[in-house]
Amino acid sequence: MAAGLPALLLLLLAGLTAVNAVTVQAGCLHAAREAALAAARGGDGSAAAGRAAPPGASVTVSVDGNRVQATVRAPVRTLGGRLPRVTVVATAVAAVEPGAAEGVW
């Protein structure tokens, strides 16, 4: 029983960290979609993603021909302090809409 309690605690911390990572991943995906859509419409994709991104996230928006690609990276706070840091990444792609202002990205 005494040896099982630390293992159970470690398993609990790993599970809570995994749930936190999934939540941050969902936030990154939402921010990447917002950035790609805003940039495809001629707006500022980085600003749109900044409003939706999790804290500490970095946003990259690039245009390649008729496609806009937005990537959002965010660190996941691990529970237990000594576990290695995890970074989640989400990417979204959108087609540039006709008539969108060029060079705003």
Protein backbone atom coordinates (compact mmCIF):
# COMPACT_ATOMS: atom_id res chain seq x y z
CA MET A 1 0.00 0.00 0.00
CA ALA A 2 2.76 2.45 0.90
CA ALA A 3 4.62 1.82 -2.38
CA GLY A 4 1.45 2.16 -4.43
CA LEU A 5 0.49 5.62 -3.17
CA PRO A 6 3.41 7.52 -4.84
CA ALA A 7 2.75 5.64 -8.09
CA LEU A 8 -0.92 6.57 -7.90
CA LEU A 9 -0.03 10.21 -7.25
CA LEU A 10 2.35 10.25 -10.23
CA LEU A 11 -0.34 8.71 -12.43
CA LEU A 12 -2.83 11.33 -11.27
CA LEU A 13 -0.41 14.18 -12.04
CA ALA A 14 0.33 12.74 -15.48
CA GLY A 15 -3.39 12.40 -16.20
CA LEU A 16 -4.13 15.97 -15.13
CA THR A 17 -1.24 17.23 -17.27
CA ALA A 18 -2.64 15.31 -20.25
CA VAL A 19 -6.07 16.89 -19.74
CA ASN A 20 -4.42 20.31 -19.53
CA ALA A 21 -2.50 19.60 -22.76
CA VAL A 22 -5.69 18.68 -24.59
CA THR A 23 -7.34 21.89 -23.39
CA VAL A 24 -4.40 24.02 -24.54
CA GLN A 25 -4.36 22.12 -27.87
CA ALA A 26 -8.03 23.00 -28.42
CA GLY A 27 -7.28 26.66 -27.69
CA CYS A 28 -4.37 26.61 -30.14
CA LEU A 29 -6.54 25.07 -32.83
CA HIS A 30 -9.22 27.71 -32.32
CA ALA A 31 -6.63 30.49 -32.49
CA ALA A 32 -5.04 29.02 -35.64
CA ARG A 33 -8.43 28.85 -37.35
CA GLU A 34 -9.20 32.43 -36.41
CA ALA A 35 -5.82 33.60 -37.70
CA ALA A 36 -6.11 31.72 -40.99
CA LEU A 37 -9.62 33.01 -41.66
CA ALA A 38 -8.74 36.59 -40.75
CA ALA A 39 -5.65 36.57 -42.96
CA ALA A 40 -7.55 34.93 -45.83
CA ARG A 41 -10.05 37.78 -45.68
CA GLY A 42 -7.28 40.38 -45.77
CA GLY A 43 -7.15 41.13 -42.05
CA ASP A 44 -4.40 40.82 -39.48
CA GLY A 45 -4.19 37.12 -38.67
CA SER A 46 -1.74 37.53 -35.81
CA ALA A 47 -4.03 39.95 -34.01
CA ALA A 48 -7.01 37.65 -34.47
CA ALA A 49 -5.06 34.71 -33.09
CA GLY A 50 -3.72 36.77 -30.21
CA ARG A 51 -7.24 37.34 -28.94
CA ALA A 52 -8.07 33.61 -28.99
CA ALA A 53 -4.70 32.00 -28.21
CA PRO A 54 -3.79 30.52 -24.82
CA PRO A 55 -1.37 32.53 -22.64
CA GLY A 56 2.25 32.34 -23.78
CA ALA A 57 1.37 31.21 -27.31
CA SER A 58 3.35 32.22 -30.37
CA VAL A 59 1.59 32.76 -33.69
CA THR A 60 3.02 32.43 -37.20
CA VAL A 61 1.01 33.39 -40.28
CA SER A 62 2.39 32.77 -43.75
CA VAL A 63 1.02 33.15 -47.26
CA ASP A 64 1.97 30.75 -50.03
CA GLY A 65 0.23 31.63 -53.29
CA ASN A 66 -3.50 31.26 -52.69
CA ARG A 67 -3.13 29.65 -49.26
CA VAL A 68 -2.76 31.12 -45.80
CA GLN A 69 -1.23 28.91 -43.13
CA ALA A 70 -1.43 29.83 -39.46
CA THR A 71 0.53 27.97 -36.78
CA VAL A 72 0.06 28.46 -33.06
CA ARG A 73 2.50 27.01 -30.49
CA ALA A 74 1.84 27.13 -26.76
CA PRO A 75 3.59 25.68 -23.73
CA VAL A 76 1.63 23.39 -21.43
CA ARG A 77 2.05 23.93 -17.72
CA THR A 78 2.97 20.56 -16.28
CA LEU A 79 1.71 19.61 -12.88
CA GLY A 80 4.45 18.49 -10.60
CA GLY A 81 7.12 20.97 -11.67
CA ARG A 82 9.83 18.40 -12.39
CA LEU A 83 8.20 16.91 -15.45
CA PRO A 84 9.57 18.02 -18.83
CA ARG A 85 7.87 20.96 -20.53
CA VAL A 86 5.43 20.09 -23.27
CA THR A 87 4.62 22.32 -26.25
CA VAL A 88 1.50 21.80 -28.34
CA VAL A 89 1.17 22.96 -31.94
CA ALA A 90 -1.90 23.55 -34.08
CA THR A 91 -1.99 24.52 -37.75
CA ALA A 92 -4.86 25.75 -39.90
CA VAL A 93 -4.95 26.48 -43.63
CA ALA A 94 -7.41 28.67 -45.53
CA ALA A 95 -7.74 29.77 -49.15
CA VAL A 96 -7.20 33.46 -49.82
CA GLU A 97 -10.55 34.99 -50.66
CA PRO A 98 -10.91 36.90 -53.92
CA GLY A 99 -10.56 40.63 -53.45
CA ALA A 100 -8.71 40.36 -50.13
CA ALA A 101 -6.20 43.14 -49.51
CA GLU A 102 -2.66 41.97 -50.16
CA GLY A 103 0.29 42.54 -47.88
CA VAL A 104 -1.64 42.81 -44.63
CA TRP A 105 -0.32 39.53 -43.23
